[in-house]
Amino acid sequence: MSLYEPYPHLVAYDISDPKRLYRVHRYLKKLGIPLQYSVFLLHITPIQRKQIVFRLNRLIDPRADDVRIYPLPKNPDWQWWGRPIWMDGAILEGLPLPEGMGGAKFKT
């Protein structure tokens, strides 16, 4: 794995304080795509991951909060059920995601 090659990651969190929850959510919205309120998809390099971990450590209380980052394979076998993540016709560029999630079109 190259230090400069981006890979998909899931970030999930459980934050006990509403103020910290808002700060973590706002920070992750700048970096990735919210799949659910407390689950984000990020397409990041190992170097960026270290920077994100550093920043999240400053935003949370490790005694009360739980944040997890799960690296995914370069081309995961995506599956989803339930309501669509995005509205029909949404276009996301730069992220290697599957077509069909809510009718969205993806460009890489």
C-alpha atoms as a PDB file:
ATOM      1  CA  MET A   1       0.000   0.000   0.000  1.00  0.00           C
ATOM      2  CA  SER A   2       1.436   3.333  -1.081  1.00  0.00           C
ATOM      3  CA  LEU A   3       1.504   6.259   1.334  1.00  0.00           C
ATOM      4  CA  TYR A   4       0.095   8.456  -1.417  1.00  0.00           C
ATOM      5  CA  GLU A   5      -2.574   6.175  -2.881  1.00  0.00           C
ATOM      6  CA  PRO A   6      -6.087   6.777  -1.537  1.00  0.00           C
ATOM      7  CA  TYR A   7      -8.240   3.923  -0.280  1.00  0.00           C
ATOM      8  CA  PRO A   8     -11.814   3.891   0.973  1.00  0.00           C
ATOM      9  CA  HIS A   9     -12.319   3.945   4.734  1.00  0.00           C
ATOM     10  CA  LEU A  10     -15.409   3.804   6.903  1.00  0.00           C
ATOM     11  CA  VAL A  11     -15.445   6.079   9.928  1.00  0.00           C
ATOM     12  CA  ALA A  12     -18.061   5.377  12.589  1.00  0.00           C
ATOM     13  CA  TYR A  13     -18.514   7.173  15.854  1.00  0.00           C
ATOM     14  CA  ASP A  14     -20.553   7.307  19.041  1.00  0.00           C
ATOM     15  CA  ILE A  15     -20.068  10.645  20.783  1.00  0.00           C
ATOM     16  CA  SER A  16     -21.749  11.224  24.161  1.00  0.00           C
ATOM     17  CA  ASP A  17     -21.713  15.042  24.280  1.00  0.00           C
ATOM     18  CA  PRO A  18     -23.863  16.980  21.739  1.00  0.00           C
ATOM     19  CA  LYS A  19     -21.228  19.719  21.350  1.00  0.00           C
ATOM     20  CA  ARG A  20     -18.445  17.224  20.542  1.00  0.00           C
ATOM     21  CA  LEU A  21     -20.858  15.233  18.352  1.00  0.00           C
ATOM     22  CA  TYR A  22     -21.557  18.304  16.245  1.00  0.00           C
ATOM     23  CA  ARG A  23     -17.851  19.113  15.921  1.00  0.00           C
ATOM     24  CA  VAL A  24     -16.931  15.571  14.822  1.00  0.00           C
ATOM     25  CA  HIS A  25     -19.843  15.398  12.374  1.00  0.00           C
ATOM     26  CA  ARG A  26     -18.982  18.802  10.870  1.00  0.00           C
ATOM     27  CA  TYR A  27     -15.309  17.848  10.523  1.00  0.00           C
ATOM     28  CA  LEU A  28     -16.058  14.532   8.795  1.00  0.00           C
ATOM     29  CA  LYS A  29     -18.597  16.140   6.431  1.00  0.00           C
ATOM     30  CA  LYS A  30     -15.722  18.206   5.041  1.00  0.00           C
ATOM     31  CA  LEU A  31     -13.736  15.040   4.301  1.00  0.00           C
ATOM     32  CA  GLY A  32     -16.199  12.419   3.176  1.00  0.00           C
ATOM     33  CA  ILE A  33     -19.685  11.271   2.401  1.00  0.00           C
ATOM     34  CA  PRO A  34     -22.195  10.618   5.194  1.00  0.00           C
ATOM     35  CA  LEU A  35     -23.666   7.155   4.676  1.00  0.00           C
ATOM     36  CA  GLN A  36     -25.636   7.389   7.915  1.00  0.00           C
ATOM     37  CA  TYR A  37     -25.571  10.093  10.564  1.00  0.00           C
ATOM     38  CA  SER A  38     -22.626   8.562  12.418  1.00  0.00           C
ATOM     39  CA  VAL A  39     -20.982   6.652   9.541  1.00  0.00           C
ATOM     40  CA  PHE A  40     -18.858   8.300   6.857  1.00  0.00           C
ATOM     41  CA  LEU A  41     -17.075   7.061   3.767  1.00  0.00           C
ATOM     42  CA  LEU A  42     -13.676   8.663   3.215  1.00  0.00           C
ATOM     43  CA  HIS A  43     -11.317   8.124   0.290  1.00  0.00           C
ATOM     44  CA  ILE A  44      -7.956   8.896   1.896  1.00  0.00           C
ATOM     45  CA  THR A  45      -4.267   8.062   1.841  1.00  0.00           C
ATOM     46  CA  PRO A  46      -2.428   6.547   4.828  1.00  0.00           C
ATOM     47  CA  ILE A  47      -0.850   9.970   5.452  1.00  0.00           C
ATOM     48  CA  GLN A  48      -4.267  11.648   5.483  1.00  0.00           C
ATOM     49  CA  ARG A  49      -5.533   8.944   7.827  1.00  0.00           C
ATOM     50  CA  LYS A  50      -2.839   9.849  10.368  1.00  0.00           C
ATOM     51  CA  GLN A  51      -3.808  13.512  10.119  1.00  0.00           C
ATOM     52  CA  ILE A  52      -7.486  12.658  10.611  1.00  0.00           C
ATOM     53  CA  VAL A  53      -6.734  10.476  13.633  1.00  0.00           C
ATOM     54  CA  PHE A  54      -4.689  13.325  15.142  1.00  0.00           C
ATOM     55  CA  ARG A  55      -7.528  15.819  14.592  1.00  0.00           C
ATOM     56  CA  LEU A  56     -10.242  13.456  15.884  1.00  0.00           C
ATOM     57  CA  ASN A  57      -8.205  12.809  19.026  1.00  0.00           C
ATOM     58  CA  ARG A  58      -8.366  16.537  19.719  1.00  0.00           C
ATOM     59  CA  LEU A  59     -12.141  16.692  19.133  1.00  0.00           C
ATOM     60  CA  ILE A  60     -13.277  13.786  21.314  1.00  0.00           C
ATOM     61  CA  ASP A  61     -13.110  12.721  24.937  1.00  0.00           C
ATOM     62  CA  PRO A  62     -11.521   9.230  24.799  1.00  0.00           C
ATOM     63  CA  ARG A  63     -13.057   8.317  28.168  1.00  0.00           C
ATOM     64  CA  ALA A  64     -16.619   8.882  26.926  1.00  0.00           C
ATOM     65  CA  ASP A  65     -16.544   8.687  23.103  1.00  0.00           C
ATOM     66  CA  ASP A  66     -15.877   5.968  20.557  1.00  0.00           C
ATOM     67  CA  VAL A  67     -14.493   6.590  17.049  1.00  0.00           C
ATOM     68  CA  ARG A  68     -13.440   3.822  14.678  1.00  0.00           C
ATOM     69  CA  ILE A  69     -11.777   3.878  11.259  1.00  0.00           C
ATOM     70  CA  TYR A  70     -12.052   0.777   9.102  1.00  0.00           C
ATOM     71  CA  PRO A  71      -9.893   0.553   5.963  1.00  0.00           C
ATOM     72  CA  LEU A  72     -11.679  -1.102   3.050  1.00  0.00           C
ATOM     73  CA  PRO A  73     -10.246  -2.879   0.016  1.00  0.00           C
ATOM     74  CA  LYS A  74      -9.512  -0.731  -3.018  1.00  0.00           C
ATOM     75  CA  ASN A  75     -12.568  -2.105  -4.841  1.00  0.00           C
ATOM     76  CA  PRO A  76     -15.005  -3.355  -2.197  1.00  0.00           C
ATOM     77  CA  ASP A  77     -17.986  -5.501  -3.088  1.00  0.00           C
ATOM     78  CA  TRP A  78     -20.637  -2.892  -2.188  1.00  0.00           C
ATOM     79  CA  GLN A  79     -24.082  -3.969  -1.039  1.00  0.00           C
ATOM     80  CA  TRP A  80     -26.866  -1.869   0.388  1.00  0.00           C
ATOM     81  CA  TRP A  81     -30.524  -2.176   1.315  1.00  0.00           C
ATOM     82  CA  GLY A  82     -33.237   0.294   2.149  1.00  0.00           C
ATOM     83  CA  ARG A  83     -33.667   3.850   1.057  1.00  0.00           C
ATOM     84  CA  PRO A  84     -31.115   5.390  -1.303  1.00  0.00           C
ATOM     85  CA  ILE A  85     -28.148   7.298   0.069  1.00  0.00           C
ATOM     86  CA  TRP A  86     -28.326  10.042  -2.568  1.00  0.00           C
ATOM     87  CA  MET A  87     -31.090  11.474  -4.688  1.00  0.00           C
ATOM     88  CA  ASP A  88     -31.412  10.351  -8.301  1.00  0.00           C
ATOM     89  CA  GLY A  89     -29.027  12.120 -10.641  1.00  0.00           C
ATOM     90  CA  ALA A  90     -26.416  12.990  -8.003  1.00  0.00           C
ATOM     91  CA  ILE A  91     -22.884  13.040  -9.396  1.00  0.00           C
ATOM     92  CA  LEU A  92     -19.833  12.437  -7.225  1.00  0.00           C
ATOM     93  CA  GLU A  93     -16.429  12.878  -8.775  1.00  0.00           C
ATOM     94  CA  GLY A  94     -13.152  11.398  -7.649  1.00  0.00           C
ATOM     95  CA  LEU A  95     -14.569   8.564  -5.551  1.00  0.00           C
ATOM     96  CA  PRO A  96     -14.546   5.017  -6.940  1.00  0.00           C
ATOM     97  CA  LEU A  97     -18.031   4.059  -5.747  1.00  0.00           C
ATOM     98  CA  PRO A  98     -20.541   1.739  -7.410  1.00  0.00           C
ATOM     99  CA  GLU A  99     -23.273   2.998  -9.688  1.00  0.00           C
ATOM    100  CA  GLY A 100     -26.822   2.458  -8.628  1.00  0.00           C
ATOM    101  CA  MET A 101     -26.721   3.647  -5.015  1.00  0.00           C
ATOM    102  CA  GLY A 102     -29.901   5.696  -5.143  1.00  0.00           C
ATOM    103  CA  GLY A 103     -29.629   6.186  -8.883  1.00  0.00           C
ATOM    104  CA  ALA A 104     -26.476   8.258  -8.451  1.00  0.00           C
ATOM    105  CA  LYS A 105     -23.850   8.423 -11.168  1.00  0.00           C
ATOM    106  CA  PHE A 106     -20.219   8.298 -10.196  1.00  0.00           C
ATOM    107  CA  LYS A 107     -17.188   9.529 -12.072  1.00  0.00           C
ATOM    108  CA  THR A 108     -13.578   8.676 -11.224  1.00  0.00           C
END
